[in-house]
Structures are given as structure tokens and as C-alpha cells.
């Protein structure tokens, strides 16, 4: 019973970490977008563009960061099946990004 409760607590803790990551990342991206928009309006196009790119990059990297967080959690639990599945998804995401960048 203790082992089951511990697993449930670990699941809840992982969900909370993921939720904090997503909220924090979304907030950071929104702040970068707003700063970029204000700087663009104020007449600083290069800095504005950099801030907007940083905001987009933050939003794009959030799901990837979530995958890394989940991979670590599965590895700590020694859950080989989910480590393998998550690692495969990470490799596919990296391969897709590399293919897109090289085209």
C-alpha cells in the first residue's frame, strides 16, 4: 500500500512540475512577445525581432522540455518501457527539427 501511495505522490509531483514548467514558460514567452512588440513600436527593430524570436523559441521548446522532464521521471522509476518510448519520441523530434533546418 505504501508503494502505491508513493507512486501516486510521485505522479502528482511530476504533474505539478510539468504544470509549473508550462505556466512559467508560457508566461516567459508572453513577456518576450510583449517586450518585442513594445520595442518594435518604439523603433528598435533589431532588438524587437530578437525578442519575438526568443518568445517563439520558448513556446516551441516547451513541449520538448516536458519530454525531457518526463524522461528523467521514468528513468528514476526504472520504467524501461516508458524510457524507451519517450527517448524514441525525443529522437524523432530532434530528427524532424534537424531535417527542417537543413532544407
C-alpha atoms as a PDB file:
ATOM      1  CA  UNK A   1       0.000   0.000   0.000  1.00  0.00           C
ATOM      2  CA  UNK A   2       2.829   2.398   0.833  1.00  0.00           C
ATOM      3  CA  UNK A   3       4.454   1.726  -2.522  1.00  0.00           C
ATOM      4  CA  UNK A   4       1.228   2.541  -4.368  1.00  0.00           C
ATOM      5  CA  UNK A   5       0.738   5.721  -2.375  1.00  0.00           C
ATOM      6  CA  UNK A   6       4.324   6.716  -3.089  1.00  0.00           C
ATOM      7  CA  UNK A   7       3.812   6.179  -6.825  1.00  0.00           C
ATOM      8  CA  UNK A   8       0.643   8.290  -6.700  1.00  0.00           C
ATOM      9  CA  UNK A   9       2.508  11.036  -4.868  1.00  0.00           C
ATOM     10  CA  UNK A  10       5.311  10.880  -7.446  1.00  0.00           C
ATOM     11  CA  UNK A  11       2.751  11.169 -10.255  1.00  0.00           C
ATOM     12  CA  UNK A  12       1.165  14.199  -8.617  1.00  0.00           C
ATOM     13  CA  UNK A  13       4.554  15.802  -8.051  1.00  0.00           C
ATOM     14  CA  UNK A  14       5.503  15.207 -11.707  1.00  0.00           C
ATOM     15  CA  UNK A  15       2.220  16.720 -12.894  1.00  0.00           C
ATOM     16  CA  UNK A  16       2.829  19.765 -10.677  1.00  0.00           C
ATOM     17  CA  UNK A  17       6.372  20.194 -12.040  1.00  0.00           C
ATOM     18  CA  UNK A  18       5.111  19.917 -15.603  1.00  0.00           C
ATOM     19  CA  UNK A  19       2.307  22.401 -14.903  1.00  0.00           C
ATOM     20  CA  UNK A  20       4.803  24.877 -13.377  1.00  0.00           C
ATOM     21  CA  UNK A  21       7.095  24.431 -16.364  1.00  0.00           C
ATOM     22  CA  UNK A  22       4.298  25.065 -18.845  1.00  0.00           C
ATOM     23  CA  UNK A  23       2.893  28.055 -16.937  1.00  0.00           C
ATOM     24  CA  UNK A  24       6.315  29.595 -16.393  1.00  0.00           C
ATOM     25  CA  UNK A  25       7.387  29.009 -19.984  1.00  0.00           C
ATOM     26  CA  UNK A  26       4.158  30.418 -21.363  1.00  0.00           C
ATOM     27  CA  UNK A  27       4.472  33.460 -19.104  1.00  0.00           C
ATOM     28  CA  UNK A  28       8.085  33.992 -20.165  1.00  0.00           C
ATOM     29  CA  UNK A  29       7.115  33.700 -23.829  1.00  0.00           C
ATOM     30  CA  UNK A  30       4.262  36.192 -23.349  1.00  0.00           C
ATOM     31  CA  UNK A  31       6.653  38.621 -21.657  1.00  0.00           C
ATOM     32  CA  UNK A  32       9.142  38.251 -24.507  1.00  0.00           C
ATOM     33  CA  UNK A  33       6.384  38.814 -27.088  1.00  0.00           C
ATOM     34  CA  UNK A  34       5.105  41.895 -25.269  1.00  0.00           C
ATOM     35  CA  UNK A  35       8.608  43.319 -24.895  1.00  0.00           C
ATOM     36  CA  UNK A  36       9.319  42.658 -28.568  1.00  0.00           C
ATOM     37  CA  UNK A  37       6.094  44.327 -29.626  1.00  0.00           C
ATOM     38  CA  UNK A  38       6.738  47.381 -27.438  1.00  0.00           C
ATOM     39  CA  UNK A  39      10.311  47.703 -28.667  1.00  0.00           C
ATOM     40  CA  UNK A  40       9.143  47.385 -32.265  1.00  0.00           C
ATOM     41  CA  UNK A  41       6.597  50.100 -31.704  1.00  0.00           C
ATOM     42  CA  UNK A  42       9.265  52.238 -30.011  1.00  0.00           C
ATOM     43  CA  UNK A  43      11.549  51.981 -33.039  1.00  0.00           C
ATOM     44  CA  UNK A  44      14.121  49.351 -32.064  1.00  0.00           C
ATOM     45  CA  UNK A  45      13.578  46.799 -34.837  1.00  0.00           C
ATOM     46  CA  UNK A  46      16.647  44.595 -34.246  1.00  0.00           C
ATOM     47  CA  UNK A  47      16.058  44.138 -30.536  1.00  0.00           C
ATOM     48  CA  UNK A  48      12.353  43.730 -31.184  1.00  0.00           C
ATOM     49  CA  UNK A  49      12.984  40.960 -33.690  1.00  0.00           C
ATOM     50  CA  UNK A  50      15.334  39.188 -31.270  1.00  0.00           C
ATOM     51  CA  UNK A  51      12.722  39.314 -28.502  1.00  0.00           C
ATOM     52  CA  UNK A  52       9.983  37.998 -30.776  1.00  0.00           C
ATOM     53  CA  UNK A  53      12.232  35.146 -31.952  1.00  0.00           C
ATOM     54  CA  UNK A  54      13.084  34.346 -28.325  1.00  0.00           C
ATOM     55  CA  UNK A  55       9.357  34.232 -27.481  1.00  0.00           C
ATOM     56  CA  UNK A  56       8.634  31.879 -30.373  1.00  0.00           C
ATOM     57  CA  UNK A  57      11.608  29.702 -29.455  1.00  0.00           C
ATOM     58  CA  UNK A  58      10.418  29.481 -25.861  1.00  0.00           C
ATOM     59  CA  UNK A  59       6.978  28.311 -26.977  1.00  0.00           C
ATOM     60  CA  UNK A  60       8.452  25.779 -29.395  1.00  0.00           C
ATOM     61  CA  UNK A  61      10.863  24.360 -26.802  1.00  0.00           C
ATOM     62  CA  UNK A  62       8.275  23.936 -24.031  1.00  0.00           C
ATOM     63  CA  UNK A  63       6.930  20.564 -25.233  1.00  0.00           C
ATOM     64  CA  UNK A  64      10.485  19.307 -25.801  1.00  0.00           C
ATOM     65  CA  UNK A  65      11.446  20.334 -22.272  1.00  0.00           C
ATOM     66  CA  UNK A  66       8.386  18.497 -20.997  1.00  0.00           C
ATOM     67  CA  UNK A  67       9.587  15.362 -22.771  1.00  0.00           C
ATOM     68  CA  UNK A  68      12.999  15.684 -21.098  1.00  0.00           C
ATOM     69  CA  UNK A  69      11.353  16.105 -17.695  1.00  0.00           C
ATOM     70  CA  UNK A  70       9.216  13.022 -18.264  1.00  0.00           C
ATOM     71  CA  UNK A  71      12.226  11.021 -19.475  1.00  0.00           C
ATOM     72  CA  UNK A  72      14.012  11.808 -16.226  1.00  0.00           C
ATOM     73  CA  UNK A  73      10.977  10.806 -14.161  1.00  0.00           C
ATOM     74  CA  UNK A  74      10.618   7.491 -15.999  1.00  0.00           C
ATOM     75  CA  UNK A  75      14.334   6.806 -15.649  1.00  0.00           C
ATOM     76  CA  UNK A  76      14.173   7.437 -11.875  1.00  0.00           C
ATOM     77  CA  UNK A  77      11.326   4.906 -11.672  1.00  0.00           C
ATOM     78  CA  UNK A  78      13.355   2.467 -13.776  1.00  0.00           C
ATOM     79  CA  UNK A  79      10.417   2.120 -16.162  1.00  0.00           C
ATOM     80  CA  UNK A  80      12.285   0.827 -19.211  1.00  0.00           C
ATOM     81  CA  UNK A  81       9.230   0.752 -21.495  1.00  0.00           C
ATOM     82  CA  UNK A  82       8.372   4.426 -20.986  1.00  0.00           C
ATOM     83  CA  UNK A  83      12.028   5.470 -21.045  1.00  0.00           C
ATOM     84  CA  UNK A  84      12.305   3.782 -24.444  1.00  0.00           C
ATOM     85  CA  UNK A  85       9.110   5.330 -25.766  1.00  0.00           C
ATOM     86  CA  UNK A  86       9.999   8.814 -24.521  1.00  0.00           C
ATOM     87  CA  UNK A  87      13.576   8.559 -25.804  1.00  0.00           C
ATOM     88  CA  UNK A  88      12.238   7.489 -29.212  1.00  0.00           C
ATOM     89  CA  UNK A  89       9.912  10.490 -29.325  1.00  0.00           C
ATOM     90  CA  UNK A  90      12.792  12.803 -28.367  1.00  0.00           C
ATOM     91  CA  UNK A  91      14.975  11.352 -31.131  1.00  0.00           C
ATOM     92  CA  UNK A  92      12.134  11.790 -33.640  1.00  0.00           C
ATOM     93  CA  UNK A  93      11.594  15.409 -32.579  1.00  0.00           C
ATOM     94  CA  UNK A  94      15.326  16.156 -32.908  1.00  0.00           C
ATOM     95  CA  UNK A  95      15.494  14.398 -36.295  1.00  0.00           C
ATOM     96  CA  UNK A  96      12.456  16.324 -37.543  1.00  0.00           C
ATOM     97  CA  UNK A  97      13.910  19.630 -36.380  1.00  0.00           C
ATOM     98  CA  UNK A  98      17.275  18.853 -37.968  1.00  0.00           C
ATOM     99  CA  UNK A  99      15.617  17.844 -41.226  1.00  0.00           C
ATOM    100  CA  UNK A 100      13.605  21.054 -41.244  1.00  0.00           C
ATOM    101  CA  UNK A 101      16.673  23.179 -40.560  1.00  0.00           C
ATOM    102  CA  UNK A 102      18.733  21.521 -43.279  1.00  0.00           C
ATOM    103  CA  UNK A 103      16.173  22.061 -46.015  1.00  0.00           C
END
